[in-house]
Amino acid sequence: IFLEGGAYELRYQMALTATAPVVE
């Protein structure tokens, strides 16, 4: 479930796109 949820992959997009407080 953890792997299929997709949050882990989206976290890398967050690191590239979001502001520093949101990434944190």
PDBML (XML) file of the C-alpha atoms, coordinates in Angstrom:
<?xml version="1.0" encoding="UTF-8" ?>
<PDBx:datablock datablockName="MODEL"
   xmlns:PDBx="http://pdbml.pdb.org/schema/pdbx-v50.xsd"
   xmlns:xsi="http://www.w3.org/2001/XMLSchema-instance"
   xsi:schemaLocation="http://pdbml.pdb.org/schema/pdbx-v50.xsd pdbx-v50.xsd">
   <PDBx:atom_siteCategory>
      <PDBx:atom_site id="1">
         <PDBx:B_iso_or_equiv>0.00</PDBx:B_iso_or_equiv>
         <PDBx:Cartn_x>0.000</PDBx:Cartn_x>
         <PDBx:Cartn_y>0.000</PDBx:Cartn_y>
         <PDBx:Cartn_z>0.000</PDBx:Cartn_z>
         <PDBx:auth_asym_id>A</PDBx:auth_asym_id>
         <PDBx:auth_atom_id>CA</PDBx:auth_atom_id>
         <PDBx:auth_comp_id>ILE</PDBx:auth_comp_id>
         <PDBx:auth_seq_id>1</PDBx:auth_seq_id>
         <PDBx:group_PDB>ATOM</PDBx:group_PDB>
         <PDBx:label_alt_id xsi:nil="true" />
         <PDBx:label_asym_id>A</PDBx:label_asym_id>
         <PDBx:label_atom_id>CA</PDBx:label_atom_id>
         <PDBx:label_comp_id>ILE</PDBx:label_comp_id>
         <PDBx:label_entity_id>1</PDBx:label_entity_id>
         <PDBx:label_seq_id>1</PDBx:label_seq_id>
         <PDBx:occupancy>1.00</PDBx:occupancy>
         <PDBx:pdbx_PDB_model_num>1</PDBx:pdbx_PDB_model_num>
         <PDBx:type_symbol>C</PDBx:type_symbol>
      </PDBx:atom_site>
      <PDBx:atom_site id="2">
         <PDBx:B_iso_or_equiv>0.00</PDBx:B_iso_or_equiv>
         <PDBx:Cartn_x>2.809</PDBx:Cartn_x>
         <PDBx:Cartn_y>2.401</PDBx:Cartn_y>
         <PDBx:Cartn_z>0.850</PDBx:Cartn_z>
         <PDBx:auth_asym_id>A</PDBx:auth_asym_id>
         <PDBx:auth_atom_id>CA</PDBx:auth_atom_id>
         <PDBx:auth_comp_id>PHE</PDBx:auth_comp_id>
         <PDBx:auth_seq_id>2</PDBx:auth_seq_id>
         <PDBx:group_PDB>ATOM</PDBx:group_PDB>
         <PDBx:label_alt_id xsi:nil="true" />
         <PDBx:label_asym_id>A</PDBx:label_asym_id>
         <PDBx:label_atom_id>CA</PDBx:label_atom_id>
         <PDBx:label_comp_id>PHE</PDBx:label_comp_id>
         <PDBx:label_entity_id>1</PDBx:label_entity_id>
         <PDBx:label_seq_id>2</PDBx:label_seq_id>
         <PDBx:occupancy>1.00</PDBx:occupancy>
         <PDBx:pdbx_PDB_model_num>1</PDBx:pdbx_PDB_model_num>
         <PDBx:type_symbol>C</PDBx:type_symbol>
      </PDBx:atom_site>
      <PDBx:atom_site id="3">
         <PDBx:B_iso_or_equiv>0.00</PDBx:B_iso_or_equiv>
         <PDBx:Cartn_x>4.518</PDBx:Cartn_x>
         <PDBx:Cartn_y>1.803</PDBx:Cartn_y>
         <PDBx:Cartn_z>-2.488</PDBx:Cartn_z>
         <PDBx:auth_asym_id>A</PDBx:auth_asym_id>
         <PDBx:auth_atom_id>CA</PDBx:auth_atom_id>
         <PDBx:auth_comp_id>LEU</PDBx:auth_comp_id>
         <PDBx:auth_seq_id>3</PDBx:auth_seq_id>
         <PDBx:group_PDB>ATOM</PDBx:group_PDB>
         <PDBx:label_alt_id xsi:nil="true" />
         <PDBx:label_asym_id>A</PDBx:label_asym_id>
         <PDBx:label_atom_id>CA</PDBx:label_atom_id>
         <PDBx:label_comp_id>LEU</PDBx:label_comp_id>
         <PDBx:label_entity_id>1</PDBx:label_entity_id>
         <PDBx:label_seq_id>3</PDBx:label_seq_id>
         <PDBx:occupancy>1.00</PDBx:occupancy>
         <PDBx:pdbx_PDB_model_num>1</PDBx:pdbx_PDB_model_num>
         <PDBx:type_symbol>C</PDBx:type_symbol>
      </PDBx:atom_site>
      <PDBx:atom_site id="4">
         <PDBx:B_iso_or_equiv>0.00</PDBx:B_iso_or_equiv>
         <PDBx:Cartn_x>1.311</PDBx:Cartn_x>
         <PDBx:Cartn_y>1.906</PDBx:Cartn_y>
         <PDBx:Cartn_z>-4.529</PDBx:Cartn_z>
         <PDBx:auth_asym_id>A</PDBx:auth_asym_id>
         <PDBx:auth_atom_id>CA</PDBx:auth_atom_id>
         <PDBx:auth_comp_id>GLU</PDBx:auth_comp_id>
         <PDBx:auth_seq_id>4</PDBx:auth_seq_id>
         <PDBx:group_PDB>ATOM</PDBx:group_PDB>
         <PDBx:label_alt_id xsi:nil="true" />
         <PDBx:label_asym_id>A</PDBx:label_asym_id>
         <PDBx:label_atom_id>CA</PDBx:label_atom_id>
         <PDBx:label_comp_id>GLU</PDBx:label_comp_id>
         <PDBx:label_entity_id>1</PDBx:label_entity_id>
         <PDBx:label_seq_id>4</PDBx:label_seq_id>
         <PDBx:occupancy>1.00</PDBx:occupancy>
         <PDBx:pdbx_PDB_model_num>1</PDBx:pdbx_PDB_model_num>
         <PDBx:type_symbol>C</PDBx:type_symbol>
      </PDBx:atom_site>
      <PDBx:atom_site id="5">
         <PDBx:B_iso_or_equiv>0.00</PDBx:B_iso_or_equiv>
         <PDBx:Cartn_x>0.140</PDBx:Cartn_x>
         <PDBx:Cartn_y>5.129</PDBx:Cartn_y>
         <PDBx:Cartn_z>-2.899</PDBx:Cartn_z>
         <PDBx:auth_asym_id>A</PDBx:auth_asym_id>
         <PDBx:auth_atom_id>CA</PDBx:auth_atom_id>
         <PDBx:auth_comp_id>GLY</PDBx:auth_comp_id>
         <PDBx:auth_seq_id>5</PDBx:auth_seq_id>
         <PDBx:group_PDB>ATOM</PDBx:group_PDB>
         <PDBx:label_alt_id xsi:nil="true" />
         <PDBx:label_asym_id>A</PDBx:label_asym_id>
         <PDBx:label_atom_id>CA</PDBx:label_atom_id>
         <PDBx:label_comp_id>GLY</PDBx:label_comp_id>
         <PDBx:label_entity_id>1</PDBx:label_entity_id>
         <PDBx:label_seq_id>5</PDBx:label_seq_id>
         <PDBx:occupancy>1.00</PDBx:occupancy>
         <PDBx:pdbx_PDB_model_num>1</PDBx:pdbx_PDB_model_num>
         <PDBx:type_symbol>C</PDBx:type_symbol>
      </PDBx:atom_site>
      <PDBx:atom_site id="6">
         <PDBx:B_iso_or_equiv>0.00</PDBx:B_iso_or_equiv>
         <PDBx:Cartn_x>2.514</PDBx:Cartn_x>
         <PDBx:Cartn_y>7.209</PDBx:Cartn_y>
         <PDBx:Cartn_z>-4.990</PDBx:Cartn_z>
         <PDBx:auth_asym_id>A</PDBx:auth_asym_id>
         <PDBx:auth_atom_id>CA</PDBx:auth_atom_id>
         <PDBx:auth_comp_id>GLY</PDBx:auth_comp_id>
         <PDBx:auth_seq_id>6</PDBx:auth_seq_id>
         <PDBx:group_PDB>ATOM</PDBx:group_PDB>
         <PDBx:label_alt_id xsi:nil="true" />
         <PDBx:label_asym_id>A</PDBx:label_asym_id>
         <PDBx:label_atom_id>CA</PDBx:label_atom_id>
         <PDBx:label_comp_id>GLY</PDBx:label_comp_id>
         <PDBx:label_entity_id>1</PDBx:label_entity_id>
         <PDBx:label_seq_id>6</PDBx:label_seq_id>
         <PDBx:occupancy>1.00</PDBx:occupancy>
         <PDBx:pdbx_PDB_model_num>1</PDBx:pdbx_PDB_model_num>
         <PDBx:type_symbol>C</PDBx:type_symbol>
      </PDBx:atom_site>
      <PDBx:atom_site id="7">
         <PDBx:B_iso_or_equiv>0.00</PDBx:B_iso_or_equiv>
         <PDBx:Cartn_x>3.437</PDBx:Cartn_x>
         <PDBx:Cartn_y>9.671</PDBx:Cartn_y>
         <PDBx:Cartn_z>-2.247</PDBx:Cartn_z>
         <PDBx:auth_asym_id>A</PDBx:auth_asym_id>
         <PDBx:auth_atom_id>CA</PDBx:auth_atom_id>
         <PDBx:auth_comp_id>ALA</PDBx:auth_comp_id>
         <PDBx:auth_seq_id>7</PDBx:auth_seq_id>
         <PDBx:group_PDB>ATOM</PDBx:group_PDB>
         <PDBx:label_alt_id xsi:nil="true" />
         <PDBx:label_asym_id>A</PDBx:label_asym_id>
         <PDBx:label_atom_id>CA</PDBx:label_atom_id>
         <PDBx:label_comp_id>ALA</PDBx:label_comp_id>
         <PDBx:label_entity_id>1</PDBx:label_entity_id>
         <PDBx:label_seq_id>7</PDBx:label_seq_id>
         <PDBx:occupancy>1.00</PDBx:occupancy>
         <PDBx:pdbx_PDB_model_num>1</PDBx:pdbx_PDB_model_num>
         <PDBx:type_symbol>C</PDBx:type_symbol>
      </PDBx:atom_site>
      <PDBx:atom_site id="8">
         <PDBx:B_iso_or_equiv>0.00</PDBx:B_iso_or_equiv>
         <PDBx:Cartn_x>7.077</PDBx:Cartn_x>
         <PDBx:Cartn_y>8.631</PDBx:Cartn_y>
         <PDBx:Cartn_z>-2.298</PDBx:Cartn_z>
         <PDBx:auth_asym_id>A</PDBx:auth_asym_id>
         <PDBx:auth_atom_id>CA</PDBx:auth_atom_id>
         <PDBx:auth_comp_id>TYR</PDBx:auth_comp_id>
         <PDBx:auth_seq_id>8</PDBx:auth_seq_id>
         <PDBx:group_PDB>ATOM</PDBx:group_PDB>
         <PDBx:label_alt_id xsi:nil="true" />
         <PDBx:label_asym_id>A</PDBx:label_asym_id>
         <PDBx:label_atom_id>CA</PDBx:label_atom_id>
         <PDBx:label_comp_id>TYR</PDBx:label_comp_id>
         <PDBx:label_entity_id>1</PDBx:label_entity_id>
         <PDBx:label_seq_id>8</PDBx:label_seq_id>
         <PDBx:occupancy>1.00</PDBx:occupancy>
         <PDBx:pdbx_PDB_model_num>1</PDBx:pdbx_PDB_model_num>
         <PDBx:type_symbol>C</PDBx:type_symbol>
      </PDBx:atom_site>
      <PDBx:atom_site id="9">
         <PDBx:B_iso_or_equiv>0.00</PDBx:B_iso_or_equiv>
         <PDBx:Cartn_x>7.477</PDBx:Cartn_x>
         <PDBx:Cartn_y>9.484</PDBx:Cartn_y>
         <PDBx:Cartn_z>-5.978</PDBx:Cartn_z>
         <PDBx:auth_asym_id>A</PDBx:auth_asym_id>
         <PDBx:auth_atom_id>CA</PDBx:auth_atom_id>
         <PDBx:auth_comp_id>GLU</PDBx:auth_comp_id>
         <PDBx:auth_seq_id>9</PDBx:auth_seq_id>
         <PDBx:group_PDB>ATOM</PDBx:group_PDB>
         <PDBx:label_alt_id xsi:nil="true" />
         <PDBx:label_asym_id>A</PDBx:label_asym_id>
         <PDBx:label_atom_id>CA</PDBx:label_atom_id>
         <PDBx:label_comp_id>GLU</PDBx:label_comp_id>
         <PDBx:label_entity_id>1</PDBx:label_entity_id>
         <PDBx:label_seq_id>9</PDBx:label_seq_id>
         <PDBx:occupancy>1.00</PDBx:occupancy>
         <PDBx:pdbx_PDB_model_num>1</PDBx:pdbx_PDB_model_num>
         <PDBx:type_symbol>C</PDBx:type_symbol>
      </PDBx:atom_site>
      <PDBx:atom_site id="10">
         <PDBx:B_iso_or_equiv>0.00</PDBx:B_iso_or_equiv>
         <PDBx:Cartn_x>5.524</PDBx:Cartn_x>
         <PDBx:Cartn_y>12.726</PDBx:Cartn_y>
         <PDBx:Cartn_z>-5.677</PDBx:Cartn_z>
         <PDBx:auth_asym_id>A</PDBx:auth_asym_id>
         <PDBx:auth_atom_id>CA</PDBx:auth_atom_id>
         <PDBx:auth_comp_id>LEU</PDBx:auth_comp_id>
         <PDBx:auth_seq_id>10</PDBx:auth_seq_id>
         <PDBx:group_PDB>ATOM</PDBx:group_PDB>
         <PDBx:label_alt_id xsi:nil="true" />
         <PDBx:label_asym_id>A</PDBx:label_asym_id>
         <PDBx:label_atom_id>CA</PDBx:label_atom_id>
         <PDBx:label_comp_id>LEU</PDBx:label_comp_id>
         <PDBx:label_entity_id>1</PDBx:label_entity_id>
         <PDBx:label_seq_id>10</PDBx:label_seq_id>
         <PDBx:occupancy>1.00</PDBx:occupancy>
         <PDBx:pdbx_PDB_model_num>1</PDBx:pdbx_PDB_model_num>
         <PDBx:type_symbol>C</PDBx:type_symbol>
      </PDBx:atom_site>
      <PDBx:atom_site id="11">
         <PDBx:B_iso_or_equiv>0.00</PDBx:B_iso_or_equiv>
         <PDBx:Cartn_x>7.842</PDBx:Cartn_x>
         <PDBx:Cartn_y>13.787</PDBx:Cartn_y>
         <PDBx:Cartn_z>-2.861</PDBx:Cartn_z>
         <PDBx:auth_asym_id>A</PDBx:auth_asym_id>
         <PDBx:auth_atom_id>CA</PDBx:auth_atom_id>
         <PDBx:auth_comp_id>ARG</PDBx:auth_comp_id>
         <PDBx:auth_seq_id>11</PDBx:auth_seq_id>
         <PDBx:group_PDB>ATOM</PDBx:group_PDB>
         <PDBx:label_alt_id xsi:nil="true" />
         <PDBx:label_asym_id>A</PDBx:label_asym_id>
         <PDBx:label_atom_id>CA</PDBx:label_atom_id>
         <PDBx:label_comp_id>ARG</PDBx:label_comp_id>
         <PDBx:label_entity_id>1</PDBx:label_entity_id>
         <PDBx:label_seq_id>11</PDBx:label_seq_id>
         <PDBx:occupancy>1.00</PDBx:occupancy>
         <PDBx:pdbx_PDB_model_num>1</PDBx:pdbx_PDB_model_num>
         <PDBx:type_symbol>C</PDBx:type_symbol>
      </PDBx:atom_site>
      <PDBx:atom_site id="12">
         <PDBx:B_iso_or_equiv>0.00</PDBx:B_iso_or_equiv>
         <PDBx:Cartn_x>10.649</PDBx:Cartn_x>
         <PDBx:Cartn_y>14.209</PDBx:Cartn_y>
         <PDBx:Cartn_z>-5.393</PDBx:Cartn_z>
         <PDBx:auth_asym_id>A</PDBx:auth_asym_id>
         <PDBx:auth_atom_id>CA</PDBx:auth_atom_id>
         <PDBx:auth_comp_id>TYR</PDBx:auth_comp_id>
         <PDBx:auth_seq_id>12</PDBx:auth_seq_id>
         <PDBx:group_PDB>ATOM</PDBx:group_PDB>
         <PDBx:label_alt_id xsi:nil="true" />
         <PDBx:label_asym_id>A</PDBx:label_asym_id>
         <PDBx:label_atom_id>CA</PDBx:label_atom_id>
         <PDBx:label_comp_id>TYR</PDBx:label_comp_id>
         <PDBx:label_entity_id>1</PDBx:label_entity_id>
         <PDBx:label_seq_id>12</PDBx:label_seq_id>
         <PDBx:occupancy>1.00</PDBx:occupancy>
         <PDBx:pdbx_PDB_model_num>1</PDBx:pdbx_PDB_model_num>
         <PDBx:type_symbol>C</PDBx:type_symbol>
      </PDBx:atom_site>
      <PDBx:atom_site id="13">
         <PDBx:B_iso_or_equiv>0.00</PDBx:B_iso_or_equiv>
         <PDBx:Cartn_x>8.457</PDBx:Cartn_x>
         <PDBx:Cartn_y>16.440</PDBx:Cartn_y>
         <PDBx:Cartn_z>-7.540</PDBx:Cartn_z>
         <PDBx:auth_asym_id>A</PDBx:auth_asym_id>
         <PDBx:auth_atom_id>CA</PDBx:auth_atom_id>
         <PDBx:auth_comp_id>GLN</PDBx:auth_comp_id>
         <PDBx:auth_seq_id>13</PDBx:auth_seq_id>
         <PDBx:group_PDB>ATOM</PDBx:group_PDB>
         <PDBx:label_alt_id xsi:nil="true" />
         <PDBx:label_asym_id>A</PDBx:label_asym_id>
         <PDBx:label_atom_id>CA</PDBx:label_atom_id>
         <PDBx:label_comp_id>GLN</PDBx:label_comp_id>
         <PDBx:label_entity_id>1</PDBx:label_entity_id>
         <PDBx:label_seq_id>13</PDBx:label_seq_id>
         <PDBx:occupancy>1.00</PDBx:occupancy>
         <PDBx:pdbx_PDB_model_num>1</PDBx:pdbx_PDB_model_num>
         <PDBx:type_symbol>C</PDBx:type_symbol>
      </PDBx:atom_site>
      <PDBx:atom_site id="14">
         <PDBx:B_iso_or_equiv>0.00</PDBx:B_iso_or_equiv>
         <PDBx:Cartn_x>7.646</PDBx:Cartn_x>
         <PDBx:Cartn_y>18.418</PDBx:Cartn_y>
         <PDBx:Cartn_z>-4.409</PDBx:Cartn_z>
         <PDBx:auth_asym_id>A</PDBx:auth_asym_id>
         <PDBx:auth_atom_id>CA</PDBx:auth_atom_id>
         <PDBx:auth_comp_id>MET</PDBx:auth_comp_id>
         <PDBx:auth_seq_id>14</PDBx:auth_seq_id>
         <PDBx:group_PDB>ATOM</PDBx:group_PDB>
         <PDBx:label_alt_id xsi:nil="true" />
         <PDBx:label_asym_id>A</PDBx:label_asym_id>
         <PDBx:label_atom_id>CA</PDBx:label_atom_id>
         <PDBx:label_comp_id>MET</PDBx:label_comp_id>
         <PDBx:label_entity_id>1</PDBx:label_entity_id>
         <PDBx:label_seq_id>14</PDBx:label_seq_id>
         <PDBx:occupancy>1.00</PDBx:occupancy>
         <PDBx:pdbx_PDB_model_num>1</PDBx:pdbx_PDB_model_num>
         <PDBx:type_symbol>C</PDBx:type_symbol>
      </PDBx:atom_site>
      <PDBx:atom_site id="15">
         <PDBx:B_iso_or_equiv>0.00</PDBx:B_iso_or_equiv>
         <PDBx:Cartn_x>11.366</PDBx:Cartn_x>
         <PDBx:Cartn_y>18.876</PDBx:Cartn_y>
         <PDBx:Cartn_z>-3.734</PDBx:Cartn_z>
         <PDBx:auth_asym_id>A</PDBx:auth_asym_id>
         <PDBx:auth_atom_id>CA</PDBx:auth_atom_id>
         <PDBx:auth_comp_id>ALA</PDBx:auth_comp_id>
         <PDBx:auth_seq_id>15</PDBx:auth_seq_id>
         <PDBx:group_PDB>ATOM</PDBx:group_PDB>
         <PDBx:label_alt_id xsi:nil="true" />
         <PDBx:label_asym_id>A</PDBx:label_asym_id>
         <PDBx:label_atom_id>CA</PDBx:label_atom_id>
         <PDBx:label_comp_id>ALA</PDBx:label_comp_id>
         <PDBx:label_entity_id>1</PDBx:label_entity_id>
         <PDBx:label_seq_id>15</PDBx:label_seq_id>
         <PDBx:occupancy>1.00</PDBx:occupancy>
         <PDBx:pdbx_PDB_model_num>1</PDBx:pdbx_PDB_model_num>
         <PDBx:type_symbol>C</PDBx:type_symbol>
      </PDBx:atom_site>
      <PDBx:atom_site id="16">
         <PDBx:B_iso_or_equiv>0.00</PDBx:B_iso_or_equiv>
         <PDBx:Cartn_x>11.817</PDBx:Cartn_x>
         <PDBx:Cartn_y>20.369</PDBx:Cartn_y>
         <PDBx:Cartn_z>-7.202</PDBx:Cartn_z>
         <PDBx:auth_asym_id>A</PDBx:auth_asym_id>
         <PDBx:auth_atom_id>CA</PDBx:auth_atom_id>
         <PDBx:auth_comp_id>LEU</PDBx:auth_comp_id>
         <PDBx:auth_seq_id>16</PDBx:auth_seq_id>
         <PDBx:group_PDB>ATOM</PDBx:group_PDB>
         <PDBx:label_alt_id xsi:nil="true" />
         <PDBx:label_asym_id>A</PDBx:label_asym_id>
         <PDBx:label_atom_id>CA</PDBx:label_atom_id>
         <PDBx:label_comp_id>LEU</PDBx:label_comp_id>
         <PDBx:label_entity_id>1</PDBx:label_entity_id>
         <PDBx:label_seq_id>16</PDBx:label_seq_id>
         <PDBx:occupancy>1.00</PDBx:occupancy>
         <PDBx:pdbx_PDB_model_num>1</PDBx:pdbx_PDB_model_num>
         <PDBx:type_symbol>C</PDBx:type_symbol>
      </PDBx:atom_site>
      <PDBx:atom_site id="17">
         <PDBx:B_iso_or_equiv>0.00</PDBx:B_iso_or_equiv>
         <PDBx:Cartn_x>8.679</PDBx:Cartn_x>
         <PDBx:Cartn_y>22.493</PDBx:Cartn_y>
         <PDBx:Cartn_z>-7.402</PDBx:Cartn_z>
         <PDBx:auth_asym_id>A</PDBx:auth_asym_id>
         <PDBx:auth_atom_id>CA</PDBx:auth_atom_id>
         <PDBx:auth_comp_id>THR</PDBx:auth_comp_id>
         <PDBx:auth_seq_id>17</PDBx:auth_seq_id>
         <PDBx:group_PDB>ATOM</PDBx:group_PDB>
         <PDBx:label_alt_id xsi:nil="true" />
         <PDBx:label_asym_id>A</PDBx:label_asym_id>
         <PDBx:label_atom_id>CA</PDBx:label_atom_id>
         <PDBx:label_comp_id>THR</PDBx:label_comp_id>
         <PDBx:label_entity_id>1</PDBx:label_entity_id>
         <PDBx:label_seq_id>17</PDBx:label_seq_id>
         <PDBx:occupancy>1.00</PDBx:occupancy>
         <PDBx:pdbx_PDB_model_num>1</PDBx:pdbx_PDB_model_num>
         <PDBx:type_symbol>C</PDBx:type_symbol>
      </PDBx:atom_site>
      <PDBx:atom_site id="18">
         <PDBx:B_iso_or_equiv>0.00</PDBx:B_iso_or_equiv>
         <PDBx:Cartn_x>7.527</PDBx:Cartn_x>
         <PDBx:Cartn_y>23.564</PDBx:Cartn_y>
         <PDBx:Cartn_z>-3.950</PDBx:Cartn_z>
         <PDBx:auth_asym_id>A</PDBx:auth_asym_id>
         <PDBx:auth_atom_id>CA</PDBx:auth_atom_id>
         <PDBx:auth_comp_id>ALA</PDBx:auth_comp_id>
         <PDBx:auth_seq_id>18</PDBx:auth_seq_id>
         <PDBx:group_PDB>ATOM</PDBx:group_PDB>
         <PDBx:label_alt_id xsi:nil="true" />
         <PDBx:label_asym_id>A</PDBx:label_asym_id>
         <PDBx:label_atom_id>CA</PDBx:label_atom_id>
         <PDBx:label_comp_id>ALA</PDBx:label_comp_id>
         <PDBx:label_entity_id>1</PDBx:label_entity_id>
         <PDBx:label_seq_id>18</PDBx:label_seq_id>
         <PDBx:occupancy>1.00</PDBx:occupancy>
         <PDBx:pdbx_PDB_model_num>1</PDBx:pdbx_PDB_model_num>
         <PDBx:type_symbol>C</PDBx:type_symbol>
      </PDBx:atom_site>
      <PDBx:atom_site id="19">
         <PDBx:B_iso_or_equiv>0.00</PDBx:B_iso_or_equiv>
         <PDBx:Cartn_x>8.868</PDBx:Cartn_x>
         <PDBx:Cartn_y>26.308</PDBx:Cartn_y>
         <PDBx:Cartn_z>-1.724</PDBx:Cartn_z>
         <PDBx:auth_asym_id>A</PDBx:auth_asym_id>
         <PDBx:auth_atom_id>CA</PDBx:auth_atom_id>
         <PDBx:auth_comp_id>THR</PDBx:auth_comp_id>
         <PDBx:auth_seq_id>19</PDBx:auth_seq_id>
         <PDBx:group_PDB>ATOM</PDBx:group_PDB>
         <PDBx:label_alt_id xsi:nil="true" />
         <PDBx:label_asym_id>A</PDBx:label_asym_id>
         <PDBx:label_atom_id>CA</PDBx:label_atom_id>
         <PDBx:label_comp_id>THR</PDBx:label_comp_id>
         <PDBx:label_entity_id>1</PDBx:label_entity_id>
         <PDBx:label_seq_id>19</PDBx:label_seq_id>
         <PDBx:occupancy>1.00</PDBx:occupancy>
         <PDBx:pdbx_PDB_model_num>1</PDBx:pdbx_PDB_model_num>
         <PDBx:type_symbol>C</PDBx:type_symbol>
      </PDBx:atom_site>
      <PDBx:atom_site id="20">
         <PDBx:B_iso_or_equiv>0.00</PDBx:B_iso_or_equiv>
         <PDBx:Cartn_x>11.255</PDBx:Cartn_x>
         <PDBx:Cartn_y>25.358</PDBx:Cartn_y>
         <PDBx:Cartn_z>1.084</PDBx:Cartn_z>
         <PDBx:auth_asym_id>A</PDBx:auth_asym_id>
         <PDBx:auth_atom_id>CA</PDBx:auth_atom_id>
         <PDBx:auth_comp_id>ALA</PDBx:auth_comp_id>
         <PDBx:auth_seq_id>20</PDBx:auth_seq_id>
         <PDBx:group_PDB>ATOM</PDBx:group_PDB>
         <PDBx:label_alt_id xsi:nil="true" />
         <PDBx:label_asym_id>A</PDBx:label_asym_id>
         <PDBx:label_atom_id>CA</PDBx:label_atom_id>
         <PDBx:label_comp_id>ALA</PDBx:label_comp_id>
         <PDBx:label_entity_id>1</PDBx:label_entity_id>
         <PDBx:label_seq_id>20</PDBx:label_seq_id>
         <PDBx:occupancy>1.00</PDBx:occupancy>
         <PDBx:pdbx_PDB_model_num>1</PDBx:pdbx_PDB_model_num>
         <PDBx:type_symbol>C</PDBx:type_symbol>
      </PDBx:atom_site>
      <PDBx:atom_site id="21">
         <PDBx:B_iso_or_equiv>0.00</PDBx:B_iso_or_equiv>
         <PDBx:Cartn_x>8.646</PDBx:Cartn_x>
         <PDBx:Cartn_y>25.442</PDBx:Cartn_y>
         <PDBx:Cartn_z>3.911</PDBx:Cartn_z>
         <PDBx:auth_asym_id>A</PDBx:auth_asym_id>
         <PDBx:auth_atom_id>CA</PDBx:auth_atom_id>
         <PDBx:auth_comp_id>PRO</PDBx:auth_comp_id>
         <PDBx:auth_seq_id>21</PDBx:auth_seq_id>
         <PDBx:group_PDB>ATOM</PDBx:group_PDB>
         <PDBx:label_alt_id xsi:nil="true" />
         <PDBx:label_asym_id>A</PDBx:label_asym_id>
         <PDBx:label_atom_id>CA</PDBx:label_atom_id>
         <PDBx:label_comp_id>PRO</PDBx:label_comp_id>
         <PDBx:label_entity_id>1</PDBx:label_entity_id>
         <PDBx:label_seq_id>21</PDBx:label_seq_id>
         <PDBx:occupancy>1.00</PDBx:occupancy>
         <PDBx:pdbx_PDB_model_num>1</PDBx:pdbx_PDB_model_num>
         <PDBx:type_symbol>C</PDBx:type_symbol>
      </PDBx:atom_site>
      <PDBx:atom_site id="22">
         <PDBx:B_iso_or_equiv>0.00</PDBx:B_iso_or_equiv>
         <PDBx:Cartn_x>6.275</PDBx:Cartn_x>
         <PDBx:Cartn_y>23.235</PDBx:Cartn_y>
         <PDBx:Cartn_z>1.904</PDBx:Cartn_z>
         <PDBx:auth_asym_id>A</PDBx:auth_asym_id>
         <PDBx:auth_atom_id>CA</PDBx:auth_atom_id>
         <PDBx:auth_comp_id>VAL</PDBx:auth_comp_id>
         <PDBx:auth_seq_id>22</PDBx:auth_seq_id>
         <PDBx:group_PDB>ATOM</PDBx:group_PDB>
         <PDBx:label_alt_id xsi:nil="true" />
         <PDBx:label_asym_id>A</PDBx:label_asym_id>
         <PDBx:label_atom_id>CA</PDBx:label_atom_id>
         <PDBx:label_comp_id>VAL</PDBx:label_comp_id>
         <PDBx:label_entity_id>1</PDBx:label_entity_id>
         <PDBx:label_seq_id>22</PDBx:label_seq_id>
         <PDBx:occupancy>1.00</PDBx:occupancy>
         <PDBx:pdbx_PDB_model_num>1</PDBx:pdbx_PDB_model_num>
         <PDBx:type_symbol>C</PDBx:type_symbol>
      </PDBx:atom_site>
      <PDBx:atom_site id="23">
         <PDBx:B_iso_or_equiv>0.00</PDBx:B_iso_or_equiv>
         <PDBx:Cartn_x>9.077</PDBx:Cartn_x>
         <PDBx:Cartn_y>20.780</PDBx:Cartn_y>
         <PDBx:Cartn_z>1.092</PDBx:Cartn_z>
         <PDBx:auth_asym_id>A</PDBx:auth_asym_id>
         <PDBx:auth_atom_id>CA</PDBx:auth_atom_id>
         <PDBx:auth_comp_id>VAL</PDBx:auth_comp_id>
         <PDBx:auth_seq_id>23</PDBx:auth_seq_id>
         <PDBx:group_PDB>ATOM</PDBx:group_PDB>
         <PDBx:label_alt_id xsi:nil="true" />
         <PDBx:label_asym_id>A</PDBx:label_asym_id>
         <PDBx:label_atom_id>CA</PDBx:label_atom_id>
         <PDBx:label_comp_id>VAL</PDBx:label_comp_id>
         <PDBx:label_entity_id>1</PDBx:label_entity_id>
         <PDBx:label_seq_id>23</PDBx:label_seq_id>
         <PDBx:occupancy>1.00</PDBx:occupancy>
         <PDBx:pdbx_PDB_model_num>1</PDBx:pdbx_PDB_model_num>
         <PDBx:type_symbol>C</PDBx:type_symbol>
      </PDBx:atom_site>
      <PDBx:atom_site id="24">
         <PDBx:B_iso_or_equiv>0.00</PDBx:B_iso_or_equiv>
         <PDBx:Cartn_x>9.967</PDBx:Cartn_x>
         <PDBx:Cartn_y>20.588</PDBx:Cartn_y>
         <PDBx:Cartn_z>4.785</PDBx:Cartn_z>
         <PDBx:auth_asym_id>A</PDBx:auth_asym_id>
         <PDBx:auth_atom_id>CA</PDBx:auth_atom_id>
         <PDBx:auth_comp_id>GLU</PDBx:auth_comp_id>
         <PDBx:auth_seq_id>24</PDBx:auth_seq_id>
         <PDBx:group_PDB>ATOM</PDBx:group_PDB>
         <PDBx:label_alt_id xsi:nil="true" />
         <PDBx:label_asym_id>A</PDBx:label_asym_id>
         <PDBx:label_atom_id>CA</PDBx:label_atom_id>
         <PDBx:label_comp_id>GLU</PDBx:label_comp_id>
         <PDBx:label_entity_id>1</PDBx:label_entity_id>
         <PDBx:label_seq_id>24</PDBx:label_seq_id>
         <PDBx:occupancy>1.00</PDBx:occupancy>
         <PDBx:pdbx_PDB_model_num>1</PDBx:pdbx_PDB_model_num>
         <PDBx:type_symbol>C</PDBx:type_symbol>
      </PDBx:atom_site>
   </PDBx:atom_siteCategory>
</PDBx:datablock>
